[in-house]
């Protein structure tokens, strides 16, 4: 799939944050990576991840948006949506 440059930049930052939070290698993180199935995240892990992403991108995610997050692509799309609202 062909993504915009901005999408790719957000993905790279999100991937770096995920690697820091979960102790994984960047090569292991793709857009299809499931936070719960592949990285064994629990609700506390998700809260920590969302906090780090909110800080990095200077956004504030809503609870509704966070509840819809399952994959790395979901995270990137959420960040993109909130960045556009700024």
PDB file of N, CA and C in Angstrom:
ATOM      1  N   UNK A   1       0.837  -1.177   0.000  1.00  0.00           N
ATOM      2  CA  UNK A   1       0.000   0.000   0.000  1.00  0.00           C
ATOM      3  C   UNK A   1       0.888   1.249   0.000  1.00  0.00           C
ATOM      4  N   UNK A   2       0.416   2.296  -0.620  1.00  0.00           N
ATOM      5  CA  UNK A   2       1.194   3.519  -0.736  1.00  0.00           C
ATOM      6  C   UNK A   2       0.689   4.543   0.283  1.00  0.00           C
ATOM      7  N   UNK A   3       1.522   4.841   1.257  1.00  0.00           N
ATOM      8  CA  UNK A   3       1.140   5.773   2.317  1.00  0.00           C
ATOM      9  C   UNK A   3       1.821   7.121   2.098  1.00  0.00           C
ATOM     10  N   UNK A   4       1.233   8.161   2.678  1.00  0.00           N
ATOM     11  CA  UNK A   4       1.815   9.494   2.567  1.00  0.00           C
ATOM     12  C   UNK A   4       3.110   9.571   3.371  1.00  0.00           C
ATOM     13  N   UNK A   5       3.901  10.562   3.052  1.00  0.00           N
ATOM     14  CA  UNK A   5       5.162  10.767   3.777  1.00  0.00           C
ATOM     15  C   UNK A   5       4.880  11.024   5.258  1.00  0.00           C
ATOM     16  N   UNK A   6       3.844  11.802   5.545  1.00  0.00           N
ATOM     17  CA  UNK A   6       3.487  12.091   6.932  1.00  0.00           C
ATOM     18  C   UNK A   6       3.107  10.811   7.679  1.00  0.00           C
ATOM     19  N   UNK A   7       2.332   9.941   7.032  1.00  0.00           N
ATOM     20  CA  UNK A   7       1.944   8.663   7.630  1.00  0.00           C
ATOM     21  C   UNK A   7       3.188   7.847   7.954  1.00  0.00           C
ATOM     22  N   UNK A   8       4.120   7.777   6.996  1.00  0.00           N
ATOM     23  CA  UNK A   8       5.363   7.019   7.197  1.00  0.00           C
ATOM     24  C   UNK A   8       6.180   7.586   8.356  1.00  0.00           C
ATOM     25  N   UNK A   9       6.237   8.914   8.475  1.00  0.00           N
ATOM     26  CA  UNK A   9       6.981   9.544   9.566  1.00  0.00           C
ATOM     27  C   UNK A   9       6.338   9.240  10.915  1.00  0.00           C
ATOM     28  N   UNK A  10       5.012   9.299  10.967  1.00  0.00           N
ATOM     29  CA  UNK A  10       4.301   8.970  12.212  1.00  0.00           C
ATOM     30  C   UNK A  10       4.534   7.508  12.554  1.00  0.00           C
ATOM     31  N   UNK A  11       4.479   6.630  11.564  1.00  0.00           N
ATOM     32  CA  UNK A  11       4.720   5.202  11.794  1.00  0.00           C
ATOM     33  C   UNK A  11       6.105   4.975  12.384  1.00  0.00           C
ATOM     34  N   UNK A  12       7.117   5.629  11.850  1.00  0.00           N
ATOM     35  CA  UNK A  12       8.481   5.452  12.351  1.00  0.00           C
ATOM     36  C   UNK A  12       8.588   5.879  13.821  1.00  0.00           C
ATOM     37  N   UNK A  13       7.971   6.999  14.164  1.00  0.00           N
ATOM     38  CA  UNK A  13       7.995   7.456  15.561  1.00  0.00           C
ATOM     39  C   UNK A  13       7.225   6.501  16.466  1.00  0.00           C
ATOM     40  N   UNK A  14       6.044   6.087  16.012  1.00  0.00           N
ATOM     41  CA  UNK A  14       5.225   5.154  16.799  1.00  0.00           C
ATOM     42  C   UNK A  14       5.978   3.840  16.992  1.00  0.00           C
ATOM     43  N   UNK A  15       6.608   3.353  15.930  1.00  0.00           N
ATOM     44  CA  UNK A  15       7.363   2.099  16.024  1.00  0.00           C
ATOM     45  C   UNK A  15       8.483   2.230  17.056  1.00  0.00           C
ATOM     46  N   UNK A  16       9.170   3.350  17.065  1.00  0.00           N
ATOM     47  CA  UNK A  16      10.230   3.565  18.046  1.00  0.00           C
ATOM     48  C   UNK A  16       9.704   3.560  19.468  1.00  0.00           C
ATOM     49  N   UNK A  17       8.561   4.197  19.673  1.00  0.00           N
ATOM     50  CA  UNK A  17       7.951   4.227  21.011  1.00  0.00           C
ATOM     51  C   UNK A  17       7.528   2.825  21.432  1.00  0.00           C
ATOM     52  N   UNK A  18       6.944   2.074  20.507  1.00  0.00           N
ATOM     53  CA  UNK A  18       6.524   0.702  20.817  1.00  0.00           C
ATOM     54  C   UNK A  18       7.738  -0.150  21.173  1.00  0.00           C
ATOM     55  N   UNK A  19       8.814   0.001  20.432  1.00  0.00           N
ATOM     56  CA  UNK A  19      10.030  -0.770  20.720  1.00  0.00           C
ATOM     57  C   UNK A  19      10.567  -0.451  22.109  1.00  0.00           C
ATOM     58  N   UNK A  20      10.555   0.827  22.475  1.00  0.00           N
ATOM     59  CA  UNK A  20      11.003   1.218  23.815  1.00  0.00           C
ATOM     60  C   UNK A  20      10.105   0.625  24.894  1.00  0.00           C
ATOM     61  N   UNK A  21       8.804   0.708  24.686  1.00  0.00           N
ATOM     62  CA  UNK A  21       7.851   0.254  25.705  1.00  0.00           C
ATOM     63  C   UNK A  21       7.791  -1.261  25.834  1.00  0.00           C
ATOM     64  N   UNK A  22       8.007  -1.980  24.737  1.00  0.00           N
ATOM     65  CA  UNK A  22       7.839  -3.430  24.758  1.00  0.00           C
ATOM     66  C   UNK A  22       9.153  -4.193  24.613  1.00  0.00           C
ATOM     67  N   UNK A  23      10.263  -3.474  24.457  1.00  0.00           N
ATOM     68  CA  UNK A  23      11.564  -4.128  24.355  1.00  0.00           C
ATOM     69  C   UNK A  23      11.690  -5.003  23.118  1.00  0.00           C
ATOM     70  N   UNK A  24      11.138  -4.543  22.001  1.00  0.00           N
ATOM     71  CA  UNK A  24      11.206  -5.297  20.752  1.00  0.00           C
ATOM     72  C   UNK A  24      12.100  -4.589  19.749  1.00  0.00           C
ATOM     73  N   UNK A  25      12.443  -5.300  18.702  1.00  0.00           N
ATOM     74  CA  UNK A  25      13.245  -4.742  17.624  1.00  0.00           C
ATOM     75  C   UNK A  25      12.327  -4.061  16.606  1.00  0.00           C
ATOM     76  N   UNK A  26      12.807  -2.981  15.985  1.00  0.00           N
ATOM     77  CA  UNK A  26      12.002  -2.280  14.991  1.00  0.00           C
ATOM     78  C   UNK A  26      11.590  -3.198  13.849  1.00  0.00           C
ATOM     79  N   UNK A  27      12.467  -4.129  13.486  1.00  0.00           N
ATOM     80  CA  UNK A  27      12.149  -5.038  12.376  1.00  0.00           C
ATOM     81  C   UNK A  27      10.981  -5.965  12.708  1.00  0.00           C
ATOM     82  N   UNK A  28      10.660  -6.114  13.986  1.00  0.00           N
ATOM     83  CA  UNK A  28       9.543  -6.967  14.404  1.00  0.00           C
ATOM     84  C   UNK A  28       8.204  -6.233  14.379  1.00  0.00           C
ATOM     85  N   UNK A  29       8.233  -4.917  14.187  1.00  0.00           N
ATOM     86  CA  UNK A  29       7.009  -4.113  14.252  1.00  0.00           C
ATOM     87  C   UNK A  29       6.594  -3.678  12.847  1.00  0.00           C
ATOM     88  N   UNK A  30       5.417  -4.123  12.435  1.00  0.00           N
ATOM     89  CA  UNK A  30       4.838  -3.713  11.156  1.00  0.00           C
ATOM     90  C   UNK A  30       3.490  -3.052  11.441  1.00  0.00           C
ATOM     91  N   UNK A  31       2.872  -2.532  10.412  1.00  0.00           N
ATOM     92  CA  UNK A  31       1.549  -1.942  10.603  1.00  0.00           C
ATOM     93  C   UNK A  31       0.532  -2.977  11.058  1.00  0.00           C
ATOM     94  N   UNK A  32       0.726  -4.225  10.682  1.00  0.00           N
ATOM     95  CA  UNK A  32      -0.219  -5.288  11.026  1.00  0.00           C
ATOM     96  C   UNK A  32       0.028  -5.895  12.403  1.00  0.00           C
ATOM     97  N   UNK A  33       1.104  -5.499  13.069  1.00  0.00           N
ATOM     98  CA  UNK A  33       1.405  -6.057  14.387  1.00  0.00           C
ATOM     99  C   UNK A  33       0.278  -5.744  15.364  1.00  0.00           C
ATOM    100  N   UNK A  34      -0.235  -6.795  16.005  1.00  0.00           N
ATOM    101  CA  UNK A  34      -1.282  -6.626  17.015  1.00  0.00           C
ATOM    102  C   UNK A  34      -0.631  -6.351  18.362  1.00  0.00           C
ATOM    103  N   UNK A  35      -1.068  -5.295  19.009  1.00  0.00           N
ATOM    104  CA  UNK A  35      -0.512  -4.963  20.320  1.00  0.00           C
ATOM    105  C   UNK A  35      -0.811  -6.073  21.327  1.00  0.00           C
ATOM    106  N   UNK A  36      -1.967  -6.670  21.203  1.00  0.00           N
ATOM    107  CA  UNK A  36      -2.404  -7.661  22.186  1.00  0.00           C
ATOM    108  C   UNK A  36      -1.953  -9.073  21.832  1.00  0.00           C
ATOM    109  N   UNK A  37      -2.115  -9.473  20.573  1.00  0.00           N
ATOM    110  CA  UNK A  37      -1.768 -10.837  20.177  1.00  0.00           C
ATOM    111  C   UNK A  37      -0.268 -11.029  19.970  1.00  0.00           C
ATOM    112  N   UNK A  38       0.376 -10.057  19.311  1.00  0.00           N
ATOM    113  CA  UNK A  38       1.796 -10.203  18.985  1.00  0.00           C
ATOM    114  C   UNK A  38       2.725  -9.694  20.088  1.00  0.00           C
ATOM    115  N   UNK A  39       2.318  -8.644  20.781  1.00  0.00           N
ATOM    116  CA  UNK A  39       3.187  -8.044  21.803  1.00  0.00           C
ATOM    117  C   UNK A  39       2.730  -8.353  23.225  1.00  0.00           C
ATOM    118  N   UNK A  40       1.638  -9.099  23.341  1.00  0.00           N
ATOM    119  CA  UNK A  40       1.098  -9.483  24.652  1.00  0.00           C
ATOM    120  C   UNK A  40       0.819  -8.287  25.561  1.00  0.00           C
ATOM    121  N   UNK A  41       0.344  -7.199  24.980  1.00  0.00           N
ATOM    122  CA  UNK A  41       0.020  -6.009  25.767  1.00  0.00           C
ATOM    123  C   UNK A  41      -1.238  -6.256  26.585  1.00  0.00           C
ATOM    124  N   UNK A  42      -1.262  -5.632  27.753  1.00  0.00           N
ATOM    125  CA  UNK A  42      -2.486  -5.630  28.554  1.00  0.00           C
ATOM    126  C   UNK A  42      -2.967  -4.180  28.646  1.00  0.00           C
ATOM    127  N   UNK A  43      -4.023  -3.957  29.392  1.00  0.00           N
ATOM    128  CA  UNK A  43      -4.605  -2.615  29.443  1.00  0.00           C
ATOM    129  C   UNK A  43      -3.628  -1.589  30.021  1.00  0.00           C
ATOM    130  N   UNK A  44      -2.813  -1.990  30.988  1.00  0.00           N
ATOM    131  CA  UNK A  44      -1.823  -1.071  31.564  1.00  0.00           C
ATOM    132  C   UNK A  44      -0.753  -0.714  30.530  1.00  0.00           C
ATOM    133  N   UNK A  45      -0.321  -1.713  29.748  1.00  0.00           N
ATOM    134  CA  UNK A  45       0.643  -1.450  28.679  1.00  0.00           C
ATOM    135  C   UNK A  45       0.088  -0.444  27.682  1.00  0.00           C
ATOM    136  N   UNK A  46      -1.196  -0.587  27.368  1.00  0.00           N
ATOM    137  CA  UNK A  46      -1.826   0.321  26.414  1.00  0.00           C
ATOM    138  C   UNK A  46      -1.885   1.738  26.972  1.00  0.00           C
ATOM    139  N   UNK A  47      -2.188   1.873  28.248  1.00  0.00           N
ATOM    140  CA  UNK A  47      -2.223   3.194  28.890  1.00  0.00           C
ATOM    141  C   UNK A  47      -0.835   3.835  28.820  1.00  0.00           C
ATOM    142  N   UNK A  48       0.201   3.068  29.131  1.00  0.00           N
ATOM    143  CA  UNK A  48       1.572   3.585  29.074  1.00  0.00           C
ATOM    144  C   UNK A  48       1.943   3.994  27.651  1.00  0.00           C
ATOM    145  N   UNK A  49       1.566   3.165  26.683  1.00  0.00           N
ATOM    146  CA  UNK A  49       1.873   3.463  25.289  1.00  0.00           C
ATOM    147  C   UNK A  49       1.160   4.721  24.834  1.00  0.00           C
ATOM    148  N   UNK A  50      -0.112   4.832  25.140  1.00  0.00           N
ATOM    149  CA  UNK A  50      -0.886   6.009  24.745  1.00  0.00           C
ATOM    150  C   UNK A  50      -0.301   7.271  25.387  1.00  0.00           C
ATOM    151  N   UNK A  51       0.097   7.181  26.647  1.00  0.00           N
ATOM    152  CA  UNK A  51       0.707   8.334  27.320  1.00  0.00           C
ATOM    153  C   UNK A  51       1.981   8.780  26.616  1.00  0.00           C
ATOM    154  N   UNK A  52       2.815   7.816  26.242  1.00  0.00           N
ATOM    155  CA  UNK A  52       4.066   8.140  25.547  1.00  0.00           C
ATOM    156  C   UNK A  52       3.795   8.760  24.179  1.00  0.00           C
ATOM    157  N   UNK A  53       2.789   8.242  23.493  1.00  0.00           N
ATOM    158  CA  UNK A  53       2.445   8.760  22.173  1.00  0.00           C
ATOM    159  C   UNK A  53       1.831  10.154  22.283  1.00  0.00           C
ATOM    160  N   UNK A  54       0.970  10.350  23.265  1.00  0.00           N
ATOM    161  CA  UNK A  54       0.392  11.688  23.478  1.00  0.00           C
ATOM    162  C   UNK A  54       1.491  12.705  23.744  1.00  0.00           C
ATOM    163  N   UNK A  55       2.470  12.344  24.549  1.00  0.00           N
ATOM    164  CA  UNK A  55       3.579  13.245  24.861  1.00  0.00           C
ATOM    165  C   UNK A  55       4.399  13.538  23.608  1.00  0.00           C
ATOM    166  N   UNK A  56       4.741  12.502  22.861  1.00  0.00           N
ATOM    167  CA  UNK A  56       5.582  12.652  21.673  1.00  0.00           C
ATOM    168  C   UNK A  56       4.935  13.536  20.610  1.00  0.00           C
ATOM    169  N   UNK A  57       3.637  13.363  20.409  1.00  0.00           N
ATOM    170  CA  UNK A  57       2.950  14.074  19.330  1.00  0.00           C
ATOM    171  C   UNK A  57       2.151  15.283  19.814  1.00  0.00           C
ATOM    172  N   UNK A  58       2.183  15.541  21.112  1.00  0.00           N
ATOM    173  CA  UNK A  58       1.456  16.667  21.698  1.00  0.00           C
ATOM    174  C   UNK A  58      -0.029  16.619  21.314  1.00  0.00           C
ATOM    175  N   UNK A  59      -0.624  15.457  21.565  1.00  0.00           N
ATOM    176  CA  UNK A  59      -2.048  15.256  21.300  1.00  0.00           C
ATOM    177  C   UNK A  59      -2.693  14.696  22.558  1.00  0.00           C
ATOM    178  N   UNK A  60      -4.005  14.658  22.571  1.00  0.00           N
ATOM    179  CA  UNK A  60      -4.737  14.043  23.673  1.00  0.00           C
ATOM    180  C   UNK A  60      -5.787  13.122  23.070  1.00  0.00           C
ATOM    181  N   UNK A  61      -5.552  11.821  23.201  1.00  0.00           N
ATOM    182  CA  UNK A  61      -6.455  10.823  22.632  1.00  0.00           C
ATOM    183  C   UNK A  61      -7.686  10.662  23.524  1.00  0.00           C
ATOM    184  N   UNK A  62      -8.812  10.437  22.895  1.00  0.00           N
ATOM    185  CA  UNK A  62     -10.041  10.193  23.648  1.00  0.00           C
ATOM    186  C   UNK A  62     -10.131   8.714  24.020  1.00  0.00           C
ATOM    187  N   UNK A  63     -10.905   8.425  25.045  1.00  0.00           N
ATOM    188  CA  UNK A  63     -11.103   7.034  25.455  1.00  0.00           C
ATOM    189  C   UNK A  63     -11.714   6.212  24.327  1.00  0.00           C
ATOM    190  N   UNK A  64     -12.643   6.810  23.576  1.00  0.00           N
ATOM    191  CA  UNK A  64     -13.270   6.113  22.454  1.00  0.00           C
ATOM    192  C   UNK A  64     -12.239   5.690  21.416  1.00  0.00           C
ATOM    193  N   UNK A  65     -11.315   6.589  21.111  1.00  0.00           N
ATOM    194  CA  UNK A  65     -10.284   6.287  20.117  1.00  0.00           C
ATOM    195  C   UNK A  65      -9.357   5.184  20.621  1.00  0.00           C
ATOM    196  N   UNK A  66      -8.988   5.250  21.877  1.00  0.00           N
ATOM    197  CA  UNK A  66      -8.076   4.262  22.457  1.00  0.00           C
ATOM    198  C   UNK A  66      -8.718   2.875  22.465  1.00  0.00           C
ATOM    199  N   UNK A  67     -10.003   2.806  22.719  1.00  0.00           N
ATOM    200  CA  UNK A  67     -10.705   1.520  22.752  1.00  0.00           C
ATOM    201  C   UNK A  67     -10.685   0.823  21.402  1.00  0.00           C
ATOM    202  N   UNK A  68     -10.508   1.561  20.318  1.00  0.00           N
ATOM    203  CA  UNK A  68     -10.512   0.986  18.979  1.00  0.00           C
ATOM    204  C   UNK A  68      -9.128   0.516  18.536  1.00  0.00           C
ATOM    205  N   UNK A  69      -8.115   0.753  19.357  1.00  0.00           N
ATOM    206  CA  UNK A  69      -6.746   0.397  18.981  1.00  0.00           C
ATOM    207  C   UNK A  69      -6.497  -1.085  19.210  1.00  0.00           C
ATOM    208  N   UNK A  70      -6.023  -1.742  18.152  1.00  0.00           N
ATOM    209  CA  UNK A  70      -5.625  -3.135  18.248  1.00  0.00           C
ATOM    210  C   UNK A  70      -4.260  -3.358  17.582  1.00  0.00           C
ATOM    211  N   UNK A  71      -4.066  -2.727  16.429  1.00  0.00           N
ATOM    212  CA  UNK A  71      -2.819  -2.905  15.689  1.00  0.00           C
ATOM    213  C   UNK A  71      -1.993  -1.618  15.673  1.00  0.00           C
ATOM    214  N   UNK A  72      -0.773  -1.751  15.214  1.00  0.00           N
ATOM    215  CA  UNK A  72       0.101  -0.580  15.069  1.00  0.00           C
ATOM    216  C   UNK A  72      -0.519   0.403  14.077  1.00  0.00           C
ATOM    217  N   UNK A  73      -1.125  -0.093  13.025  1.00  0.00           N
ATOM    218  CA  UNK A  73      -1.780   0.794  12.055  1.00  0.00           C
ATOM    219  C   UNK A  73      -2.905   1.581  12.715  1.00  0.00           C
ATOM    220  N   UNK A  74      -3.635   0.949  13.632  1.00  0.00           N
ATOM    221  CA  UNK A  74      -4.681   1.662  14.371  1.00  0.00           C
ATOM    222  C   UNK A  74      -4.079   2.824  15.160  1.00  0.00           C
ATOM    223  N   UNK A  75      -2.923   2.592  15.764  1.00  0.00           N
ATOM    224  CA  UNK A  75      -2.248   3.641  16.538  1.00  0.00           C
ATOM    225  C   UNK A  75      -1.866   4.799  15.618  1.00  0.00           C
ATOM    226  N   UNK A  76      -1.266   4.476  14.480  1.00  0.00           N
ATOM    227  CA  UNK A  76      -0.829   5.511  13.536  1.00  0.00           C
ATOM    228  C   UNK A  76      -2.033   6.304  13.029  1.00  0.00           C
ATOM    229  N   UNK A  77      -3.098   5.605  12.673  1.00  0.00           N
ATOM    230  CA  UNK A  77      -4.301   6.300  12.190  1.00  0.00           C
ATOM    231  C   UNK A  77      -4.888   7.202  13.268  1.00  0.00           C
ATOM    232  N   UNK A  78      -4.869   6.747  14.503  1.00  0.00           N
ATOM    233  CA  UNK A  78      -5.371   7.547  15.624  1.00  0.00           C
ATOM    234  C   UNK A  78      -4.541   8.817  15.767  1.00  0.00           C
ATOM    235  N   UNK A  79      -3.223   8.683  15.723  1.00  0.00           N
ATOM    236  CA  UNK A  79      -2.339   9.845  15.823  1.00  0.00           C
ATOM    237  C   UNK A  79      -2.604  10.809  14.674  1.00  0.00           C
ATOM    238  N   UNK A  80      -2.725  10.276  13.467  1.00  0.00           N
ATOM    239  CA  UNK A  80      -2.980  11.124  12.295  1.00  0.00           C
ATOM    240  C   UNK A  80      -4.293  11.893  12.466  1.00  0.00           C
ATOM    241  N   UNK A  81      -5.322  11.211  12.927  1.00  0.00           N
ATOM    242  CA  UNK A  81      -6.624  11.858  13.131  1.00  0.00           C
ATOM    243  C   UNK A  81      -6.519  13.005  14.141  1.00  0.00           C
ATOM    244  N   UNK A  82      -5.849  12.760  15.261  1.00  0.00           N
ATOM    245  CA  UNK A  82      -5.748  13.791  16.284  1.00  0.00           C
ATOM    246  C   UNK A  82      -4.827  14.934  15.873  1.00  0.00           C
ATOM    247  N   UNK A  83      -3.823  14.638  15.057  1.00  0.00           N
ATOM    248  CA  UNK A  83      -2.938  15.695  14.566  1.00  0.00           C
ATOM    249  C   UNK A  83      -3.701  16.614  13.620  1.00  0.00           C
ATOM    250  N   UNK A  84      -4.598  16.048  12.825  1.00  0.00           N
ATOM    251  CA  UNK A  84      -5.371  16.860  11.887  1.00  0.00           C
ATOM    252  C   UNK A  84      -6.369  17.762  12.605  1.00  0.00           C
ATOM    253  N   UNK A  85      -6.794  17.346  13.796  1.00  0.00           N
ATOM    254  CA  UNK A  85      -7.742  18.131  14.568  1.00  0.00           C
ATOM    255  C   UNK A  85      -7.091  19.337  15.248  1.00  0.00           C
ATOM    256  N   UNK A  86      -5.776  19.301  15.381  1.00  0.00           N
ATOM    257  CA  UNK A  86      -5.061  20.381  16.070  1.00  0.00           C
ATOM    258  C   UNK A  86      -5.112  21.680  15.295  1.00  0.00           C
TER     259      UNK A  86
END
